[in-house]
Amino acid sequence: MLVKFEESCRVIERKAGEDKREVQVILTDKGKDLLSEGVSLIEDVLSHYQLDKMEIIIVK
């Protein structure tokens, strides 16, 4: 799945760490834009509901 996001969607870059089992995933500018758009859409939907019994945290 990471390969698809990296090669065809171009929303992430992968870099191998010193330990070959380690993989670092970095958002590209396109990935950051899509994430920001998604967060805005989620916040808009959630603003229509009373959230007194649950707390939803979206870290930007």
PDB file of N, CA and C in Angstrom:
ATOM      1  N   MET A   1       0.820  -1.179   0.000  1.00  0.00           N
ATOM      2  CA  MET A   1       0.000   0.000   0.000  1.00  0.00           C
ATOM      3  C   MET A   1       0.876   1.260   0.000  1.00  0.00           C
ATOM      4  N   LEU A   2       1.984   1.226   0.726  1.00  0.00           N
ATOM      5  CA  LEU A   2       2.887   2.373   0.726  1.00  0.00           C
ATOM      6  C   LEU A   2       3.429   2.666  -0.663  1.00  0.00           C
ATOM      7  N   VAL A   3       3.685   1.626  -1.421  1.00  0.00           N
ATOM      8  CA  VAL A   3       4.201   1.807  -2.782  1.00  0.00           C
ATOM      9  C   VAL A   3       3.197   2.580  -3.621  1.00  0.00           C
ATOM     10  N   LYS A   4       1.915   2.261  -3.492  1.00  0.00           N
ATOM     11  CA  LYS A   4       0.882   2.967  -4.255  1.00  0.00           C
ATOM     12  C   LYS A   4       0.864   4.447  -3.888  1.00  0.00           C
ATOM     13  N   PHE A   5       0.892   4.749  -2.589  1.00  0.00           N
ATOM     14  CA  PHE A   5       0.881   6.146  -2.160  1.00  0.00           C
ATOM     15  C   PHE A   5       2.141   6.879  -2.605  1.00  0.00           C
ATOM     16  N   GLU A   6       3.236   6.152  -2.675  1.00  0.00           N
ATOM     17  CA  GLU A   6       4.502   6.766  -3.054  1.00  0.00           C
ATOM     18  C   GLU A   6       4.604   6.962  -4.565  1.00  0.00           C
ATOM     19  N   GLU A   7       4.285   5.943  -5.335  1.00  0.00           N
ATOM     20  CA  GLU A   7       4.532   5.991  -6.777  1.00  0.00           C
ATOM     21  C   GLU A   7       3.396   6.608  -7.584  1.00  0.00           C
ATOM     22  N   SER A   8       2.166   6.216  -7.330  1.00  0.00           N
ATOM     23  CA  SER A   8       1.090   6.731  -8.181  1.00  0.00           C
ATOM     24  C   SER A   8       0.409   7.967  -7.601  1.00  0.00           C
ATOM     25  N   CYS A   9       0.277   8.035  -6.292  1.00  0.00           N
ATOM     26  CA  CYS A   9      -0.397   9.187  -5.685  1.00  0.00           C
ATOM     27  C   CYS A   9       0.560  10.340  -5.388  1.00  0.00           C
ATOM     28  N   ARG A  10       1.822   9.996  -5.163  1.00  0.00           N
ATOM     29  CA  ARG A  10       2.858  10.987  -4.859  1.00  0.00           C
ATOM     30  C   ARG A  10       2.538  11.818  -3.612  1.00  0.00           C
ATOM     31  N   VAL A  11       1.963  11.189  -2.584  1.00  0.00           N
ATOM     32  CA  VAL A  11       1.639  11.912  -1.358  1.00  0.00           C
ATOM     33  C   VAL A  11       2.627  11.621  -0.232  1.00  0.00           C
ATOM     34  N   ILE A  12       3.477  10.601  -0.405  1.00  0.00           N
ATOM     35  CA  ILE A  12       4.498  10.301   0.595  1.00  0.00           C
ATOM     36  C   ILE A  12       5.832  10.015  -0.073  1.00  0.00           C
ATOM     37  N   GLU A  13       6.876  10.129   0.727  1.00  0.00           N
ATOM     38  CA  GLU A  13       8.212   9.686   0.337  1.00  0.00           C
ATOM     39  C   GLU A  13       8.663   8.727   1.425  1.00  0.00           C
ATOM     40  N   ARG A  14       9.387   7.692   1.042  1.00  0.00           N
ATOM     41  CA  ARG A  14       9.919   6.754   2.035  1.00  0.00           C
ATOM     42  C   ARG A  14      11.429   6.839   2.046  1.00  0.00           C
ATOM     43  N   LYS A  15      11.974   6.763   3.247  1.00  0.00           N
ATOM     44  CA  LYS A  15      13.423   6.741   3.400  1.00  0.00           C
ATOM     45  C   LYS A  15      13.764   5.635   4.376  1.00  0.00           C
ATOM     46  N   ALA A  16      14.770   4.871   4.053  1.00  0.00           N
ATOM     47  CA  ALA A  16      15.204   3.796   4.945  1.00  0.00           C
ATOM     48  C   ALA A  16      16.142   4.366   6.000  1.00  0.00           C
ATOM     49  N   GLY A  17      15.972   3.891   7.218  1.00  0.00           N
ATOM     50  CA  GLY A  17      16.864   4.303   8.290  1.00  0.00           C
ATOM     51  C   GLY A  17      18.111   3.445   8.298  1.00  0.00           C
ATOM     52  N   GLU A  18      18.923   3.624   9.325  1.00  0.00           N
ATOM     53  CA  GLU A  18      20.137   2.812   9.449  1.00  0.00           C
ATOM     54  C   GLU A  18      19.778   1.338   9.579  1.00  0.00           C
ATOM     55  N   ASP A  19      18.776   1.055  10.379  1.00  0.00           N
ATOM     56  CA  ASP A  19      18.269  -0.308  10.531  1.00  0.00           C
ATOM     57  C   ASP A  19      17.347  -0.554   9.340  1.00  0.00           C
ATOM     58  N   LYS A  20      17.644  -1.523   8.511  1.00  0.00           N
ATOM     59  CA  LYS A  20      16.888  -1.748   7.277  1.00  0.00           C
ATOM     60  C   LYS A  20      15.429  -2.123   7.529  1.00  0.00           C
ATOM     61  N   ARG A  21      15.098  -2.478   8.764  1.00  0.00           N
ATOM     62  CA  ARG A  21      13.693  -2.776   9.082  1.00  0.00           C
ATOM     63  C   ARG A  21      12.898  -1.499   9.320  1.00  0.00           C
ATOM     64  N   GLU A  22      13.597  -0.410   9.495  1.00  0.00           N
ATOM     65  CA  GLU A  22      12.965   0.875   9.786  1.00  0.00           C
ATOM     66  C   GLU A  22      12.608   1.590   8.481  1.00  0.00           C
ATOM     67  N   VAL A  23      11.417   2.147   8.424  1.00  0.00           N
ATOM     68  CA  VAL A  23      10.996   2.928   7.261  1.00  0.00           C
ATOM     69  C   VAL A  23      10.419   4.241   7.763  1.00  0.00           C
ATOM     70  N   GLN A  24      10.921   5.334   7.251  1.00  0.00           N
ATOM     71  CA  GLN A  24      10.399   6.650   7.591  1.00  0.00           C
ATOM     72  C   GLN A  24       9.493   7.103   6.454  1.00  0.00           C
ATOM     73  N   VAL A  25       8.301   7.562   6.796  1.00  0.00           N
ATOM     74  CA  VAL A  25       7.349   8.039   5.797  1.00  0.00           C
ATOM     75  C   VAL A  25       7.205   9.541   5.984  1.00  0.00           C
ATOM     76  N   ILE A  26       7.415  10.281   4.912  1.00  0.00           N
ATOM     77  CA  ILE A  26       7.365  11.738   4.947  1.00  0.00           C
ATOM     78  C   ILE A  26       6.293  12.208   3.970  1.00  0.00           C
ATOM     79  N   LEU A  27       5.422  13.105   4.426  1.00  0.00           N
ATOM     80  CA  LEU A  27       4.403  13.656   3.537  1.00  0.00           C
ATOM     81  C   LEU A  27       5.044  14.616   2.540  1.00  0.00           C
ATOM     82  N   THR A  28       4.655  14.511   1.293  1.00  0.00           N
ATOM     83  CA  THR A  28       5.076  15.483   0.281  1.00  0.00           C
ATOM     84  C   THR A  28       4.178  16.705   0.427  1.00  0.00           C
ATOM     85  N   ASP A  29       4.465  17.758  -0.328  1.00  0.00           N
ATOM     86  CA  ASP A  29       3.602  18.943  -0.293  1.00  0.00           C
ATOM     87  C   ASP A  29       2.177  18.576  -0.702  1.00  0.00           C
ATOM     88  N   LYS A  30       2.045  17.717  -1.714  1.00  0.00           N
ATOM     89  CA  LYS A  30       0.724  17.262  -2.149  1.00  0.00           C
ATOM     90  C   LYS A  30       0.033  16.499  -1.019  1.00  0.00           C
ATOM     91  N   GLY A  31       0.786  15.655  -0.313  1.00  0.00           N
ATOM     92  CA  GLY A  31       0.231  14.903   0.807  1.00  0.00           C
ATOM     93  C   GLY A  31      -0.238  15.815   1.925  1.00  0.00           C
ATOM     94  N   LYS A  32       0.550  16.858   2.218  1.00  0.00           N
ATOM     95  CA  LYS A  32       0.166  17.823   3.253  1.00  0.00           C
ATOM     96  C   LYS A  32      -1.110  18.556   2.860  1.00  0.00           C
ATOM     97  N   ASP A  33      -1.211  18.936   1.585  1.00  0.00           N
ATOM     98  CA  ASP A  33      -2.414  19.624   1.106  1.00  0.00           C
ATOM     99  C   ASP A  33      -3.647  18.728   1.224  1.00  0.00           C
ATOM    100  N   LEU A  34      -3.518  17.464   0.816  1.00  0.00           N
ATOM    101  CA  LEU A  34      -4.644  16.531   0.904  1.00  0.00           C
ATOM    102  C   LEU A  34      -5.040  16.271   2.352  1.00  0.00           C
ATOM    103  N   LEU A  35      -4.061  16.144   3.238  1.00  0.00           N
ATOM    104  CA  LEU A  35      -4.353  15.935   4.654  1.00  0.00           C
ATOM    105  C   LEU A  35      -5.071  17.142   5.235  1.00  0.00           C
ATOM    106  N   SER A  36      -4.601  18.328   4.912  1.00  0.00           N
ATOM    107  CA  SER A  36      -5.228  19.555   5.394  1.00  0.00           C
ATOM    108  C   SER A  36      -6.668  19.661   4.907  1.00  0.00           C
ATOM    109  N   GLU A  37      -6.892  19.332   3.646  1.00  0.00           N
ATOM    110  CA  GLU A  37      -8.245  19.354   3.079  1.00  0.00           C
ATOM    111  C   GLU A  37      -9.141  18.341   3.793  1.00  0.00           C
ATOM    112  N   GLY A  38      -8.611  17.158   4.048  1.00  0.00           N
ATOM    113  CA  GLY A  38      -9.377  16.127   4.749  1.00  0.00           C
ATOM    114  C   GLY A  38      -9.733  16.540   6.163  1.00  0.00           C
ATOM    115  N   VAL A  39      -8.775  17.143   6.872  1.00  0.00           N
ATOM    116  CA  VAL A  39      -9.033  17.605   8.241  1.00  0.00           C
ATOM    117  C   VAL A  39     -10.124  18.669   8.232  1.00  0.00           C
ATOM    118  N   SER A  40     -10.077  19.588   7.271  1.00  0.00           N
ATOM    119  CA  SER A  40     -11.109  20.631   7.168  1.00  0.00           C
ATOM    120  C   SER A  40     -12.487  20.024   6.942  1.00  0.00           C
ATOM    121  N   LEU A  41     -12.565  19.026   6.076  1.00  0.00           N
ATOM    122  CA  LEU A  41     -13.846  18.365   5.817  1.00  0.00           C
ATOM    123  C   LEU A  41     -14.369  17.661   7.065  1.00  0.00           C
ATOM    124  N   ILE A  42     -13.485  16.981   7.780  1.00  0.00           N
ATOM    125  CA  ILE A  42     -13.894  16.279   9.001  1.00  0.00           C
ATOM    126  C   ILE A  42     -14.357  17.277  10.056  1.00  0.00           C
ATOM    127  N   GLU A  43     -13.618  18.372  10.227  1.00  0.00           N
ATOM    128  CA  GLU A  43     -14.009  19.390  11.204  1.00  0.00           C
ATOM    129  C   GLU A  43     -15.365  19.989  10.850  1.00  0.00           C
ATOM    130  N   ASP A  44     -15.622  20.201   9.562  1.00  0.00           N
ATOM    131  CA  ASP A  44     -16.908  20.745   9.125  1.00  0.00           C
ATOM    132  C   ASP A  44     -18.049  19.793   9.467  1.00  0.00           C
ATOM    133  N   VAL A  45     -17.867  18.517   9.197  1.00  0.00           N
ATOM    134  CA  VAL A  45     -18.898  17.521   9.516  1.00  0.00           C
ATOM    135  C   VAL A  45     -19.126  17.454  11.022  1.00  0.00           C
ATOM    136  N   LEU A  46     -18.038  17.404  11.795  1.00  0.00           N
ATOM    137  CA  LEU A  46     -18.164  17.283  13.247  1.00  0.00           C
ATOM    138  C   LEU A  46     -18.802  18.512  13.878  1.00  0.00           C
ATOM    139  N   SER A  47     -18.679  19.669  13.234  1.00  0.00           N
ATOM    140  CA  SER A  47     -19.258  20.895  13.789  1.00  0.00           C
ATOM    141  C   SER A  47     -20.783  20.849  13.815  1.00  0.00           C
ATOM    142  N   HIS A  48     -21.389  19.918  13.086  1.00  0.00           N
ATOM    143  CA  HIS A  48     -22.843  19.792  13.051  1.00  0.00           C
ATOM    144  C   HIS A  48     -23.386  18.871  14.138  1.00  0.00           C
ATOM    145  N   TYR A  49     -22.518  18.308  14.960  1.00  0.00           N
ATOM    146  CA  TYR A  49     -22.937  17.362  15.987  1.00  0.00           C
ATOM    147  C   TYR A  49     -22.514  17.857  17.360  1.00  0.00           C
ATOM    148  N   GLN A  50     -23.348  17.566  18.339  1.00  0.00           N
ATOM    149  CA  GLN A  50     -23.014  17.905  19.713  1.00  0.00           C
ATOM    150  C   GLN A  50     -22.063  16.824  20.239  1.00  0.00           C
ATOM    151  N   LEU A  51     -20.907  17.234  20.646  1.00  0.00           N
ATOM    152  CA  LEU A  51     -19.888  16.271  21.049  1.00  0.00           C
ATOM    153  C   LEU A  51     -19.623  16.348  22.552  1.00  0.00           C
ATOM    154  N   ASP A  52     -20.696  16.413  23.355  1.00  0.00           N
ATOM    155  CA  ASP A  52     -20.513  16.568  24.791  1.00  0.00           C
ATOM    156  C   ASP A  52     -20.014  15.301  25.477  1.00  0.00           C
ATOM    157  N   LYS A  53     -20.242  14.125  24.911  1.00  0.00           N
ATOM    158  CA  LYS A  53     -19.852  12.880  25.564  1.00  0.00           C
ATOM    159  C   LYS A  53     -18.574  12.287  25.011  1.00  0.00           C
ATOM    160  N   MET A  54     -18.029  12.892  23.979  1.00  0.00           N
ATOM    161  CA  MET A  54     -16.763  12.392  23.464  1.00  0.00           C
ATOM    162  C   MET A  54     -15.886  13.558  23.056  1.00  0.00           C
ATOM    163  N   GLU A  55     -14.624  13.326  23.131  1.00  0.00           N
ATOM    164  CA  GLU A  55     -13.666  14.351  22.763  1.00  0.00           C
ATOM    165  C   GLU A  55     -12.896  13.863  21.548  1.00  0.00           C
ATOM    166  N   ILE A  56     -12.902  14.657  20.520  1.00  0.00           N
ATOM    167  CA  ILE A  56     -12.177  14.306  19.308  1.00  0.00           C
ATOM    168  C   ILE A  56     -11.066  15.328  19.131  1.00  0.00           C
ATOM    169  N   ILE A  57      -9.859  14.840  19.008  1.00  0.00           N
ATOM    170  CA  ILE A  57      -8.704  15.718  18.871  1.00  0.00           C
ATOM    171  C   ILE A  57      -8.100  15.503  17.486  1.00  0.00           C
ATOM    172  N   ILE A  58      -7.969  16.585  16.753  1.00  0.00           N
ATOM    173  CA  ILE A  58      -7.310  16.535  15.453  1.00  0.00           C
ATOM    174  C   ILE A  58      -6.056  17.385  15.571  1.00  0.00           C
ATOM    175  N   VAL A  59      -4.909  16.753  15.464  1.00  0.00           N
ATOM    176  CA  VAL A  59      -3.636  17.451  15.582  1.00  0.00           C
ATOM    177  C   VAL A  59      -3.194  17.878  14.194  1.00  0.00           C
ATOM    178  N   LYS A  60      -2.911  19.150  14.063  1.00  0.00           N
ATOM    179  CA  LYS A  60      -2.475  19.673  12.766  1.00  0.00           C
ATOM    180  C   LYS A  60      -0.986  19.859  12.762  1.00  0.00           C
TER     181      LYS A  60
END
